[in-house]
Amino acid sequence: DGLALVVKGKKFGFVDESGAWVLEPGFSNWDTSLTECAFREGLAPVKQKGAYGFIDRKGALVIEPRFQAVNGTFSEGLAAVKENGLFGYLRPDGSWAVTPRFASAQPFSHGLAVVLNG
């Protein structure tokens, strides 16, 4: 979505293509090995107070942090998130497209997603 993730200390923010801050560092990065901490479809996952949610390009919380985990970010209009120990798929408005029922779930690609029943 034209923004790059920048980590400063233990916080992250986003810069535009010119290198100017769009969102100053202020969000916790939940997993330094995860490369999907970026804006997709206008939203980016963030971690606050131990829970995951999503922000818009202005830094406003669009989906309040309430999830145990996020696997990537939005893809094809859905995001794989974990609640009460199981993964489901969330819409950008925060409503469930697929209620949590999977042991693991991957982002959608070409209309399909890999899930593990459990």
PDB file of N, CA and C in Angstrom:
ATOM      1  N   ASP A   1       0.812  -1.201   0.000  1.00  0.00           N
ATOM      2  CA  ASP A   1       0.000   0.000   0.000  1.00  0.00           C
ATOM      3  C   ASP A   1       0.856   1.266   0.000  1.00  0.00           C
ATOM      4  N   GLY A   2       2.115   1.176  -0.431  1.00  0.00           N
ATOM      5  CA  GLY A   2       2.952   2.356  -0.577  1.00  0.00           C
ATOM      6  C   GLY A   2       3.636   2.837   0.687  1.00  0.00           C
ATOM      7  N   LEU A   3       3.552   2.075   1.767  1.00  0.00           N
ATOM      8  CA  LEU A   3       4.215   2.438   3.017  1.00  0.00           C
ATOM      9  C   LEU A   3       5.183   1.341   3.409  1.00  0.00           C
ATOM     10  N   ALA A   4       6.286   1.745   4.045  1.00  0.00           N
ATOM     11  CA  ALA A   4       7.277   0.770   4.505  1.00  0.00           C
ATOM     12  C   ALA A   4       7.327   0.780   6.026  1.00  0.00           C
ATOM     13  N   LEU A   5       7.463  -0.391   6.590  1.00  0.00           N
ATOM     14  CA  LEU A   5       7.603  -0.572   8.028  1.00  0.00           C
ATOM     15  C   LEU A   5       9.000  -0.152   8.454  1.00  0.00           C
ATOM     16  N   VAL A   6       9.095   0.612   9.542  1.00  0.00           N
ATOM     17  CA  VAL A   6      10.388   0.987  10.114  1.00  0.00           C
ATOM     18  C   VAL A   6      10.332   0.699  11.607  1.00  0.00           C
ATOM     19  N   VAL A   7      11.310  -0.061  12.102  1.00  0.00           N
ATOM     20  CA  VAL A   7      11.392  -0.379  13.519  1.00  0.00           C
ATOM     21  C   VAL A   7      12.412   0.548  14.157  1.00  0.00           C
ATOM     22  N   LYS A   8      12.014   1.187  15.251  1.00  0.00           N
ATOM     23  CA  LYS A   8      12.884   2.094  15.992  1.00  0.00           C
ATOM     24  C   LYS A   8      12.798   1.685  17.457  1.00  0.00           C
ATOM     25  N   GLY A   9      13.884   1.092  17.954  1.00  0.00           N
ATOM     26  CA  GLY A   9      13.830   0.529  19.303  1.00  0.00           C
ATOM     27  C   GLY A   9      12.924  -0.683  19.298  1.00  0.00           C
ATOM     28  N   LYS A  10      11.926  -0.680  20.165  1.00  0.00           N
ATOM     29  CA  LYS A  10      10.971  -1.789  20.219  1.00  0.00           C
ATOM     30  C   LYS A  10       9.609  -1.379  19.662  1.00  0.00           C
ATOM     31  N   LYS A  11       9.562  -0.262  18.975  1.00  0.00           N
ATOM     32  CA  LYS A  11       8.311   0.227  18.402  1.00  0.00           C
ATOM     33  C   LYS A  11       8.442   0.308  16.891  1.00  0.00           C
ATOM     34  N   PHE A  12       7.315   0.313  16.204  1.00  0.00           N
ATOM     35  CA  PHE A  12       7.380   0.469  14.765  1.00  0.00           C
ATOM     36  C   PHE A  12       6.425   1.540  14.275  1.00  0.00           C
ATOM     37  N   GLY A  13       6.772   2.092  13.115  1.00  0.00           N
ATOM     38  CA  GLY A  13       5.956   3.088  12.436  1.00  0.00           C
ATOM     39  C   GLY A  13       6.072   2.851  10.948  1.00  0.00           C
ATOM     40  N   PHE A  14       5.601   3.795  10.156  1.00  0.00           N
ATOM     41  CA  PHE A  14       5.612   3.628   8.704  1.00  0.00           C
ATOM     42  C   PHE A  14       6.080   4.900   8.030  1.00  0.00           C
ATOM     43  N   VAL A  15       6.848   4.740   6.960  1.00  0.00           N
ATOM     44  CA  VAL A  15       7.298   5.858   6.139  1.00  0.00           C
ATOM     45  C   VAL A  15       6.736   5.689   4.733  1.00  0.00           C
ATOM     46  N   ASP A  16       6.620   6.836   4.027  1.00  0.00           N
ATOM     47  CA  ASP A  16       6.167   6.766   2.643  1.00  0.00           C
ATOM     48  C   ASP A  16       7.370   6.565   1.729  1.00  0.00           C
ATOM     49  N   GLU A  17       7.147   6.605   0.430  1.00  0.00           N
ATOM     50  CA  GLU A  17       8.214   6.324  -0.537  1.00  0.00           C
ATOM     51  C   GLU A  17       9.340   7.347  -0.500  1.00  0.00           C
ATOM     52  N   SER A  18       9.080   8.550   0.026  1.00  0.00           N
ATOM     53  CA  SER A  18      10.135   9.561   0.144  1.00  0.00           C
ATOM     54  C   SER A  18      10.937   9.409   1.434  1.00  0.00           C
ATOM     55  N   GLY A  19      10.494   8.514   2.311  1.00  0.00           N
ATOM     56  CA  GLY A  19      11.168   8.315   3.595  1.00  0.00           C
ATOM     57  C   GLY A  19      10.583   9.152   4.713  1.00  0.00           C
ATOM     58  N   ALA A  20       9.547   9.924   4.437  1.00  0.00           N
ATOM     59  CA  ALA A  20       8.899  10.757   5.457  1.00  0.00           C
ATOM     60  C   ALA A  20       7.986   9.900   6.328  1.00  0.00           C
ATOM     61  N   TRP A  21       7.974  10.196   7.625  1.00  0.00           N
ATOM     62  CA  TRP A  21       7.100   9.463   8.537  1.00  0.00           C
ATOM     63  C   TRP A  21       5.640   9.732   8.193  1.00  0.00           C
ATOM     64  N   VAL A  22       4.880   8.679   8.035  1.00  0.00           N
ATOM     65  CA  VAL A  22       3.435   8.769   7.885  1.00  0.00           C
ATOM     66  C   VAL A  22       2.810   8.479   9.245  1.00  0.00           C
ATOM     67  N   LEU A  23       3.373   7.483   9.929  1.00  0.00           N
ATOM     68  CA  LEU A  23       2.987   7.140  11.300  1.00  0.00           C
ATOM     69  C   LEU A  23       4.270   6.997  12.113  1.00  0.00           C
ATOM     70  N   GLU A  24       4.457   7.881  13.080  1.00  0.00           N
ATOM     71  CA  GLU A  24       5.636   7.830  13.951  1.00  0.00           C
ATOM     72  C   GLU A  24       5.644   6.512  14.722  1.00  0.00           C
ATOM     73  N   PRO A  25       6.837   5.996  15.077  1.00  0.00           N
ATOM     74  CA  PRO A  25       6.902   4.762  15.864  1.00  0.00           C
ATOM     75  C   PRO A  25       6.111   4.898  17.163  1.00  0.00           C
ATOM     76  N   GLY A  26       5.244   3.956  17.392  1.00  0.00           N
ATOM     77  CA  GLY A  26       4.427   3.985  18.593  1.00  0.00           C
ATOM     78  C   GLY A  26       3.678   2.696  18.818  1.00  0.00           C
ATOM     79  N   PHE A  27       3.836   1.774  17.911  1.00  0.00           N
ATOM     80  CA  PHE A  27       3.150   0.496  18.025  1.00  0.00           C
ATOM     81  C   PHE A  27       4.160  -0.606  18.284  1.00  0.00           C
ATOM     82  N   SER A  28       3.765  -1.594  19.095  1.00  0.00           N
ATOM     83  CA  SER A  28       4.633  -2.734  19.374  1.00  0.00           C
ATOM     84  C   SER A  28       4.577  -3.719  18.227  1.00  0.00           C
ATOM     85  N   ASN A  29       5.736  -4.251  17.870  1.00  0.00           N
ATOM     86  CA  ASN A  29       5.796  -5.289  16.836  1.00  0.00           C
ATOM     87  C   ASN A  29       5.726  -6.632  17.540  1.00  0.00           C
ATOM     88  N   TRP A  30       4.731  -7.448  17.205  1.00  0.00           N
ATOM     89  CA  TRP A  30       4.497  -8.675  17.953  1.00  0.00           C
ATOM     90  C   TRP A  30       5.468  -9.789  17.653  1.00  0.00           C
ATOM     91  N   ASP A  31       6.076  -9.807  16.496  1.00  0.00           N
ATOM     92  CA  ASP A  31       6.944 -10.928  16.136  1.00  0.00           C
ATOM     93  C   ASP A  31       7.926 -10.445  15.080  1.00  0.00           C
ATOM     94  N   THR A  32       9.192 -10.305  15.473  1.00  0.00           N
ATOM     95  CA  THR A  32      10.185  -9.763  14.553  1.00  0.00           C
ATOM     96  C   THR A  32      10.444 -10.685  13.365  1.00  0.00           C
ATOM     97  N   SER A  33      10.041 -11.940  13.428  1.00  0.00           N
ATOM     98  CA  SER A  33      10.238 -12.847  12.296  1.00  0.00           C
ATOM     99  C   SER A  33       9.107 -12.730  11.278  1.00  0.00           C
ATOM    100  N   LEU A  34       8.033 -12.048  11.633  1.00  0.00           N
ATOM    101  CA  LEU A  34       6.889 -11.919  10.737  1.00  0.00           C
ATOM    102  C   LEU A  34       7.101 -10.758   9.783  1.00  0.00           C
ATOM    103  N   THR A  35       7.097 -11.045   8.494  1.00  0.00           N
ATOM    104  CA  THR A  35       7.328 -10.004   7.492  1.00  0.00           C
ATOM    105  C   THR A  35       6.040  -9.340   7.042  1.00  0.00           C
ATOM    106  N   GLU A  36       4.909  -9.838   7.488  1.00  0.00           N
ATOM    107  CA  GLU A  36       3.624  -9.309   7.036  1.00  0.00           C
ATOM    108  C   GLU A  36       3.124  -8.150   7.890  1.00  0.00           C
ATOM    109  N   CYS A  37       4.015  -7.506   8.627  1.00  0.00           N
ATOM    110  CA  CYS A  37       3.618  -6.358   9.442  1.00  0.00           C
ATOM    111  C   CYS A  37       3.611  -5.130   8.544  1.00  0.00           C
ATOM    112  N   ALA A  38       2.614  -5.029   7.696  1.00  0.00           N
ATOM    113  CA  ALA A  38       2.552  -3.951   6.722  1.00  0.00           C
ATOM    114  C   ALA A  38       1.098  -3.675   6.382  1.00  0.00           C
ATOM    115  N   PHE A  39       0.884  -2.565   5.700  1.00  0.00           N
ATOM    116  CA  PHE A  39      -0.455  -2.235   5.251  1.00  0.00           C
ATOM    117  C   PHE A  39      -0.806  -3.067   4.036  1.00  0.00           C
ATOM    118  N   ARG A  40      -1.962  -3.660   4.096  1.00  0.00           N
ATOM    119  CA  ARG A  40      -2.566  -4.357   2.967  1.00  0.00           C
ATOM    120  C   ARG A  40      -4.042  -4.011   3.013  1.00  0.00           C
ATOM    121  N   GLU A  41      -4.547  -3.653   1.867  1.00  0.00           N
ATOM    122  CA  GLU A  41      -5.963  -3.312   1.771  1.00  0.00           C
ATOM    123  C   GLU A  41      -6.334  -2.210   2.768  1.00  0.00           C
ATOM    124  N   GLY A  42      -5.377  -1.303   3.026  1.00  0.00           N
ATOM    125  CA  GLY A  42      -5.627  -0.137   3.868  1.00  0.00           C
ATOM    126  C   GLY A  42      -5.495  -0.337   5.357  1.00  0.00           C
ATOM    127  N   LEU A  43      -5.172  -1.549   5.800  1.00  0.00           N
ATOM    128  CA  LEU A  43      -5.056  -1.830   7.233  1.00  0.00           C
ATOM    129  C   LEU A  43      -3.739  -2.530   7.543  1.00  0.00           C
ATOM    130  N   ALA A  44      -3.251  -2.340   8.776  1.00  0.00           N
ATOM    131  CA  ALA A  44      -2.030  -3.020   9.226  1.00  0.00           C
ATOM    132  C   ALA A  44      -2.266  -3.561  10.633  1.00  0.00           C
ATOM    133  N   PRO A  45      -1.742  -4.752  10.919  1.00  0.00           N
ATOM    134  CA  PRO A  45      -1.894  -5.318  12.262  1.00  0.00           C
ATOM    135  C   PRO A  45      -0.963  -4.627  13.251  1.00  0.00           C
ATOM    136  N   VAL A  46      -1.443  -4.465  14.487  1.00  0.00           N
ATOM    137  CA  VAL A  46      -0.647  -3.897  15.571  1.00  0.00           C
ATOM    138  C   VAL A  46      -0.900  -4.679  16.850  1.00  0.00           C
ATOM    139  N   LYS A  47       0.032  -4.544  17.787  1.00  0.00           N
ATOM    140  CA  LYS A  47      -0.127  -5.169  19.094  1.00  0.00           C
ATOM    141  C   LYS A  47      -0.082  -4.082  20.145  1.00  0.00           C
ATOM    142  N   GLN A  48      -1.085  -4.070  21.004  1.00  0.00           N
ATOM    143  CA  GLN A  48      -1.132  -3.150  22.122  1.00  0.00           C
ATOM    144  C   GLN A  48      -1.615  -3.902  23.351  1.00  0.00           C
ATOM    145  N   LYS A  49      -0.871  -3.771  24.436  1.00  0.00           N
ATOM    146  CA  LYS A  49      -1.226  -4.402  25.711  1.00  0.00           C
ATOM    147  C   LYS A  49      -1.472  -5.897  25.549  1.00  0.00           C
ATOM    148  N   GLY A  50      -0.646  -6.556  24.742  1.00  0.00           N
ATOM    149  CA  GLY A  50      -0.709  -8.001  24.601  1.00  0.00           C
ATOM    150  C   GLY A  50      -1.768  -8.536  23.660  1.00  0.00           C
ATOM    151  N   ALA A  51      -2.512  -7.669  22.990  1.00  0.00           N
ATOM    152  CA  ALA A  51      -3.557  -8.119  22.070  1.00  0.00           C
ATOM    153  C   ALA A  51      -3.344  -7.473  20.703  1.00  0.00           C
ATOM    154  N   TYR A  52      -3.841  -8.134  19.676  1.00  0.00           N
ATOM    155  CA  TYR A  52      -3.676  -7.672  18.307  1.00  0.00           C
ATOM    156  C   TYR A  52      -4.951  -7.063  17.760  1.00  0.00           C
ATOM    157  N   GLY A  53      -4.770  -6.019  16.942  1.00  0.00           N
ATOM    158  CA  GLY A  53      -5.865  -5.359  16.257  1.00  0.00           C
ATOM    159  C   GLY A  53      -5.335  -4.790  14.955  1.00  0.00           C
ATOM    160  N   PHE A  54      -6.057  -3.848  14.357  1.00  0.00           N
ATOM    161  CA  PHE A  54      -5.658  -3.269  13.081  1.00  0.00           C
ATOM    162  C   PHE A  54      -5.836  -1.755  13.092  1.00  0.00           C
ATOM    163  N   ILE A  55      -4.897  -1.065  12.451  1.00  0.00           N
ATOM    164  CA  ILE A  55      -4.964   0.384  12.301  1.00  0.00           C
ATOM    165  C   ILE A  55      -5.155   0.743  10.831  1.00  0.00           C
ATOM    166  N   ASP A  56      -5.661   1.962  10.606  1.00  0.00           N
ATOM    167  CA  ASP A  56      -5.740   2.471   9.240  1.00  0.00           C
ATOM    168  C   ASP A  56      -4.491   3.308   8.957  1.00  0.00           C
ATOM    169  N   ARG A  57      -4.395   3.898   7.776  1.00  0.00           N
ATOM    170  CA  ARG A  57      -3.209   4.640   7.357  1.00  0.00           C
ATOM    171  C   ARG A  57      -2.997   5.926   8.152  1.00  0.00           C
ATOM    172  N   LYS A  58      -3.977   6.343   8.920  1.00  0.00           N
ATOM    173  CA  LYS A  58      -3.824   7.518   9.779  1.00  0.00           C
ATOM    174  C   LYS A  58      -3.403   7.130  11.193  1.00  0.00           C
ATOM    175  N   GLY A  59      -3.311   5.831  11.450  1.00  0.00           N
ATOM    176  CA  GLY A  59      -2.925   5.347  12.768  1.00  0.00           C
ATOM    177  C   GLY A  59      -4.089   5.120  13.707  1.00  0.00           C
ATOM    178  N   ALA A  60      -5.304   5.315  13.230  1.00  0.00           N
ATOM    179  CA  ALA A  60      -6.485   5.095  14.058  1.00  0.00           C
ATOM    180  C   ALA A  60      -6.786   3.604  14.158  1.00  0.00           C
ATOM    181  N   LEU A  61      -7.133   3.168  15.361  1.00  0.00           N
ATOM    182  CA  LEU A  61      -7.537   1.781  15.541  1.00  0.00           C
ATOM    183  C   LEU A  61      -8.882   1.569  14.873  1.00  0.00           C
ATOM    184  N   VAL A  62      -8.912   0.700  13.879  1.00  0.00           N
ATOM    185  CA  VAL A  62     -10.135   0.380  13.160  1.00  0.00           C
ATOM    186  C   VAL A  62     -10.764  -0.868  13.770  1.00  0.00           C
ATOM    187  N   ILE A  63      -9.905  -1.814  14.143  1.00  0.00           N
ATOM    188  CA  ILE A  63     -10.344  -3.032  14.829  1.00  0.00           C
ATOM    189  C   ILE A  63      -9.566  -3.092  16.137  1.00  0.00           C
ATOM    190  N   GLU A  64     -10.279  -2.937  17.244  1.00  0.00           N
ATOM    191  CA  GLU A  64      -9.660  -2.877  18.562  1.00  0.00           C
ATOM    192  C   GLU A  64      -8.815  -4.125  18.840  1.00  0.00           C
ATOM    193  N   PRO A  65      -7.675  -3.951  19.479  1.00  0.00           N
ATOM    194  CA  PRO A  65      -6.844  -5.104  19.854  1.00  0.00           C
ATOM    195  C   PRO A  65      -7.585  -6.005  20.841  1.00  0.00           C
ATOM    196  N   ARG A  66      -7.941  -7.191  20.380  1.00  0.00           N
ATOM    197  CA  ARG A  66      -8.642  -8.160  21.224  1.00  0.00           C
ATOM    198  C   ARG A  66      -8.282  -9.600  20.862  1.00  0.00           C
ATOM    199  N   PHE A  67      -7.369  -9.761  19.919  1.00  0.00           N
ATOM    200  CA  PHE A  67      -7.050 -11.090  19.424  1.00  0.00           C
ATOM    201  C   PHE A  67      -5.736 -11.601  19.989  1.00  0.00           C
ATOM    202  N   GLN A  68      -5.632 -12.919  20.130  1.00  0.00           N
ATOM    203  CA  GLN A  68      -4.419 -13.554  20.645  1.00  0.00           C
ATOM    204  C   GLN A  68      -3.301 -13.569  19.623  1.00  0.00           C
ATOM    205  N   ALA A  69      -3.643 -13.612  18.356  1.00  0.00           N
ATOM    206  CA  ALA A  69      -2.644 -13.664  17.287  1.00  0.00           C
ATOM    207  C   ALA A  69      -3.274 -13.197  15.982  1.00  0.00           C
ATOM    208  N   VAL A  70      -2.410 -12.769  15.083  1.00  0.00           N
ATOM    209  CA  VAL A  70      -2.802 -12.411  13.724  1.00  0.00           C
ATOM    210  C   VAL A  70      -1.811 -13.110  12.808  1.00  0.00           C
ATOM    211  N   ASN A  71      -2.310 -13.821  11.813  1.00  0.00           N
ATOM    212  CA  ASN A  71      -1.422 -14.498  10.875  1.00  0.00           C
ATOM    213  C   ASN A  71      -1.395 -13.687   9.586  1.00  0.00           C
ATOM    214  N   GLY A  72      -0.430 -12.779   9.497  1.00  0.00           N
ATOM    215  CA  GLY A  72      -0.324 -11.907   8.336  1.00  0.00           C
ATOM    216  C   GLY A  72      -1.221 -10.700   8.492  1.00  0.00           C
ATOM    217  N   THR A  73      -1.752 -10.235   7.409  1.00  0.00           N
ATOM    218  CA  THR A  73      -2.650  -9.096   7.415  1.00  0.00           C
ATOM    219  C   THR A  73      -3.784  -9.386   6.440  1.00  0.00           C
ATOM    220  N   PHE A  74      -4.542  -8.376   6.060  1.00  0.00           N
ATOM    221  CA  PHE A  74      -5.677  -8.618   5.185  1.00  0.00           C
ATOM    222  C   PHE A  74      -5.230  -9.052   3.796  1.00  0.00           C
ATOM    223  N   SER A  75      -5.931 -10.030   3.273  1.00  0.00           N
ATOM    224  CA  SER A  75      -5.695 -10.551   1.932  1.00  0.00           C
ATOM    225  C   SER A  75      -7.041 -10.995   1.392  1.00  0.00           C
ATOM    226  N   GLU A  76      -7.395 -10.468   0.236  1.00  0.00           N
ATOM    227  CA  GLU A  76      -8.685 -10.785  -0.382  1.00  0.00           C
ATOM    228  C   GLU A  76      -9.850 -10.457   0.554  1.00  0.00           C
ATOM    229  N   GLY A  77      -9.680  -9.374   1.330  1.00  0.00           N
ATOM    230  CA  GLY A  77     -10.748  -8.896   2.192  1.00  0.00           C
ATOM    231  C   GLY A  77     -10.900  -9.610   3.513  1.00  0.00           C
ATOM    232  N   LEU A  78      -9.970 -10.510   3.847  1.00  0.00           N
ATOM    233  CA  LEU A  78     -10.064 -11.268   5.094  1.00  0.00           C
ATOM    234  C   LEU A  78      -8.707 -11.350   5.784  1.00  0.00           C
ATOM    235  N   ALA A  79      -8.736 -11.438   7.124  1.00  0.00           N
ATOM    236  CA  ALA A  79      -7.513 -11.610   7.905  1.00  0.00           C
ATOM    237  C   ALA A  79      -7.689 -12.796   8.851  1.00  0.00           C
ATOM    238  N   ALA A  80      -6.659 -13.635   8.932  1.00  0.00           N
ATOM    239  CA  ALA A  80      -6.676 -14.779   9.845  1.00  0.00           C
ATOM    240  C   ALA A  80      -6.275 -14.294  11.232  1.00  0.00           C
ATOM    241  N   VAL A  81      -7.191 -14.405  12.201  1.00  0.00           N
ATOM    242  CA  VAL A  81      -6.928 -13.967  13.570  1.00  0.00           C
ATOM    243  C   VAL A  81      -7.327 -15.068  14.543  1.00  0.00           C
ATOM    244  N   LYS A  82      -6.673 -15.037  15.700  1.00  0.00           N
ATOM    245  CA  LYS A  82      -6.904 -16.065  16.714  1.00  0.00           C
ATOM    246  C   LYS A  82      -7.641 -15.472  17.908  1.00  0.00           C
ATOM    247  N   GLU A  83      -8.730 -16.136  18.299  1.00  0.00           N
ATOM    248  CA  GLU A  83      -9.516 -15.735  19.457  1.00  0.00           C
ATOM    249  C   GLU A  83      -9.940 -16.990  20.202  1.00  0.00           C
ATOM    250  N   ASN A  84      -9.780 -16.983  21.505  1.00  0.00           N
ATOM    251  CA  ASN A  84     -10.136 -18.140  22.339  1.00  0.00           C
ATOM    252  C   ASN A  84      -9.459 -19.425  21.864  1.00  0.00           C
ATOM    253  N   GLY A  85      -8.203 -19.302  21.415  1.00  0.00           N
ATOM    254  CA  GLY A  85      -7.410 -20.463  21.047  1.00  0.00           C
ATOM    255  C   GLY A  85      -7.605 -20.987  19.639  1.00  0.00           C
ATOM    256  N   LEU A  86      -8.511 -20.396  18.866  1.00  0.00           N
ATOM    257  CA  LEU A  86      -8.774 -20.874  17.514  1.00  0.00           C
ATOM    258  C   LEU A  86      -8.720 -19.724  16.511  1.00  0.00           C
ATOM    259  N   PHE A  87      -8.388 -20.052  15.265  1.00  0.00           N
ATOM    260  CA  PHE A  87      -8.332 -19.065  14.192  1.00  0.00           C
ATOM    261  C   PHE A  87      -9.640 -19.021  13.411  1.00  0.00           C
ATOM    262  N   GLY A  88      -9.966 -17.811  12.970  1.00  0.00           N
ATOM    263  CA  GLY A  88     -11.074 -17.580  12.070  1.00  0.00           C
ATOM    264  C   GLY A  88     -10.681 -16.464  11.114  1.00  0.00           C
ATOM    265  N   TYR A  89     -11.600 -16.003  10.304  1.00  0.00           N
ATOM    266  CA  TYR A  89     -11.315 -14.950   9.331  1.00  0.00           C
ATOM    267  C   TYR A  89     -12.204 -13.740   9.587  1.00  0.00           C
ATOM    268  N   LEU A  90     -11.550 -12.602   9.674  1.00  0.00           N
ATOM    269  CA  LEU A  90     -12.191 -11.344  10.010  1.00  0.00           C
ATOM    270  C   LEU A  90     -12.341 -10.467   8.773  1.00  0.00           C
ATOM    271  N   ARG A  91     -13.440  -9.740   8.683  1.00  0.00           N
ATOM    272  CA  ARG A  91     -13.639  -8.734   7.642  1.00  0.00           C
ATOM    273  C   ARG A  91     -13.024  -7.414   8.105  1.00  0.00           C
ATOM    274  N   PRO A  92     -12.780  -6.473   7.184  1.00  0.00           N
ATOM    275  CA  PRO A  92     -12.200  -5.181   7.563  1.00  0.00           C
ATOM    276  C   PRO A  92     -13.053  -4.360   8.529  1.00  0.00           C
ATOM    277  N   ASP A  93     -14.337  -4.650   8.644  1.00  0.00           N
ATOM    278  CA  ASP A  93     -15.185  -3.924   9.592  1.00  0.00           C
ATOM    279  C   ASP A  93     -15.163  -4.559  10.983  1.00  0.00           C
ATOM    280  N   GLY A  94     -14.374  -5.638  11.153  1.00  0.00           N
ATOM    281  CA  GLY A  94     -14.256  -6.300  12.449  1.00  0.00           C
ATOM    282  C   GLY A  94     -15.244  -7.427  12.666  1.00  0.00           C
ATOM    283  N   SER A  95     -16.133  -7.676  11.717  1.00  0.00           N
ATOM    284  CA  SER A  95     -17.087  -8.783  11.862  1.00  0.00           C
ATOM    285  C   SER A  95     -16.458 -10.080  11.337  1.00  0.00           C
ATOM    286  N   TRP A  96     -16.979 -11.178  11.807  1.00  0.00           N
ATOM    287  CA  TRP A  96     -16.472 -12.486  11.397  1.00  0.00           C
ATOM    288  C   TRP A  96     -17.033 -12.886  10.041  1.00  0.00           C
ATOM    289  N   ALA A  97     -16.153 -13.273   9.132  1.00  0.00           N
ATOM    290  CA  ALA A  97     -16.560 -13.915   7.881  1.00  0.00           C
ATOM    291  C   ALA A  97     -16.618 -15.418   8.122  1.00  0.00           C
ATOM    292  N   VAL A  98     -15.647 -15.925   8.883  1.00  0.00           N
ATOM    293  CA  VAL A  98     -15.594 -17.330   9.294  1.00  0.00           C
ATOM    294  C   VAL A  98     -15.254 -17.326  10.780  1.00  0.00           C
ATOM    295  N   THR A  99     -16.171 -17.795  11.598  1.00  0.00           N
ATOM    296  CA  THR A  99     -15.940 -17.786  13.046  1.00  0.00           C
ATOM    297  C   THR A  99     -14.760 -18.688  13.404  1.00  0.00           C
ATOM    298  N   PRO A 100     -14.058 -18.391  14.481  1.00  0.00           N
ATOM    299  CA  PRO A 100     -12.888 -19.181  14.867  1.00  0.00           C
ATOM    300  C   PRO A 100     -13.233 -20.654  15.103  1.00  0.00           C
ATOM    301  N   ARG A 101     -12.529 -21.521  14.358  1.00  0.00           N
ATOM    302  CA  ARG A 101     -12.729 -22.970  14.517  1.00  0.00           C
ATOM    303  C   ARG A 101     -11.540 -23.783  14.031  1.00  0.00           C
ATOM    304  N   PHE A 102     -10.444 -23.118  13.672  1.00  0.00           N
ATOM    305  CA  PHE A 102      -9.274 -23.803  13.130  1.00  0.00           C
ATOM    306  C   PHE A 102      -8.083 -23.705  14.079  1.00  0.00           C
ATOM    307  N   ALA A 103      -7.281 -24.773  14.113  1.00  0.00           N
ATOM    308  CA  ALA A 103      -6.057 -24.767  14.922  1.00  0.00           C
ATOM    309  C   ALA A 103      -5.033 -23.795  14.350  1.00  0.00           C
ATOM    310  N   SER A 104      -5.011 -23.654  13.040  1.00  0.00           N
ATOM    311  CA  SER A 104      -4.180 -22.644  12.376  1.00  0.00           C
ATOM    312  C   SER A 104      -4.854 -22.249  11.072  1.00  0.00           C
ATOM    313  N   ALA A 105      -4.478 -21.065  10.580  1.00  0.00           N
ATOM    314  CA  ALA A 105      -5.073 -20.559   9.337  1.00  0.00           C
ATOM    315  C   ALA A 105      -4.081 -19.632   8.659  1.00  0.00           C
ATOM    316  N   GLN A 106      -3.973 -19.752   7.353  1.00  0.00           N
ATOM    317  CA  GLN A 106      -3.088 -18.927   6.545  1.00  0.00           C
ATOM    318  C   GLN A 106      -3.904 -17.883   5.788  1.00  0.00           C
ATOM    319  N   PRO A 107      -3.253 -16.815   5.300  1.00  0.00           N
ATOM    320  CA  PRO A 107      -3.968 -15.808   4.513  1.00  0.00           C
ATOM    321  C   PRO A 107      -4.535 -16.402   3.212  1.00  0.00           C
ATOM    322  N   PHE A 108      -5.589 -15.789   2.714  1.00  0.00           N
ATOM    323  CA  PHE A 108      -6.187 -16.204   1.457  1.00  0.00           C
ATOM    324  C   PHE A 108      -5.298 -15.815   0.282  1.00  0.00           C
ATOM    325  N   SER A 109      -5.309 -16.652  -0.740  1.00  0.00           N
ATOM    326  CA  SER A 109      -4.612 -16.390  -1.987  1.00  0.00           C
ATOM    327  C   SER A 109      -5.398 -17.068  -3.104  1.00  0.00           C
ATOM    328  N   HIS A 110      -5.791 -16.320  -4.092  1.00  0.00           N
ATOM    329  CA  HIS A 110      -6.563 -16.845  -5.219  1.00  0.00           C
ATOM    330  C   HIS A 110      -7.843 -17.550  -4.757  1.00  0.00           C
ATOM    331  N   GLY A 111      -8.478 -16.994  -3.736  1.00  0.00           N
ATOM    332  CA  GLY A 111      -9.750 -17.510  -3.262  1.00  0.00           C
ATOM    333  C   GLY A 111      -9.691 -18.694  -2.317  1.00  0.00           C
ATOM    334  N   LEU A 112      -8.472 -19.120  -1.964  1.00  0.00           N
ATOM    335  CA  LEU A 112      -8.305 -20.273  -1.082  1.00  0.00           C
ATOM    336  C   LEU A 112      -7.380 -19.942   0.076  1.00  0.00           C
ATOM    337  N   ALA A 113      -7.519 -20.685   1.173  1.00  0.00           N
ATOM    338  CA  ALA A 113      -6.624 -20.528   2.319  1.00  0.00           C
ATOM    339  C   ALA A 113      -6.353 -21.899   2.925  1.00  0.00           C
ATOM    340  N   VAL A 114      -5.145 -22.077   3.413  1.00  0.00           N
ATOM    341  CA  VAL A 114      -4.772 -23.327   4.084  1.00  0.00           C
ATOM    342  C   VAL A 114      -5.159 -23.203   5.544  1.00  0.00           C
ATOM    343  N   VAL A 115      -5.896 -24.187   6.050  1.00  0.00           N
ATOM    344  CA  VAL A 115      -6.303 -24.220   7.459  1.00  0.00           C
ATOM    345  C   VAL A 115      -6.025 -25.612   8.020  1.00  0.00           C
ATOM    346  N   LEU A 116      -5.907 -25.676   9.325  1.00  0.00           N
ATOM    347  CA  LEU A 116      -5.756 -26.949  10.036  1.00  0.00           C
ATOM    348  C   LEU A 116      -6.893 -27.086  11.003  1.00  0.00           C
ATOM    349  N   ASN A 117      -7.726 -28.103  10.798  1.00  0.00           N
ATOM    350  CA  ASN A 117      -8.813 -28.356  11.736  1.00  0.00           C
ATOM    351  C   ASN A 117      -8.226 -28.826  13.055  1.00  0.00           C
ATOM    352  N   GLY A 118      -8.893 -28.483  14.110  1.00  0.00           N
ATOM    353  CA  GLY A 118      -8.374 -28.942  15.378  1.00  0.00           C
ATOM    354  C   GLY A 118      -9.264 -28.583  16.461  1.00  0.00           C
TER     355      GLY A 118
END
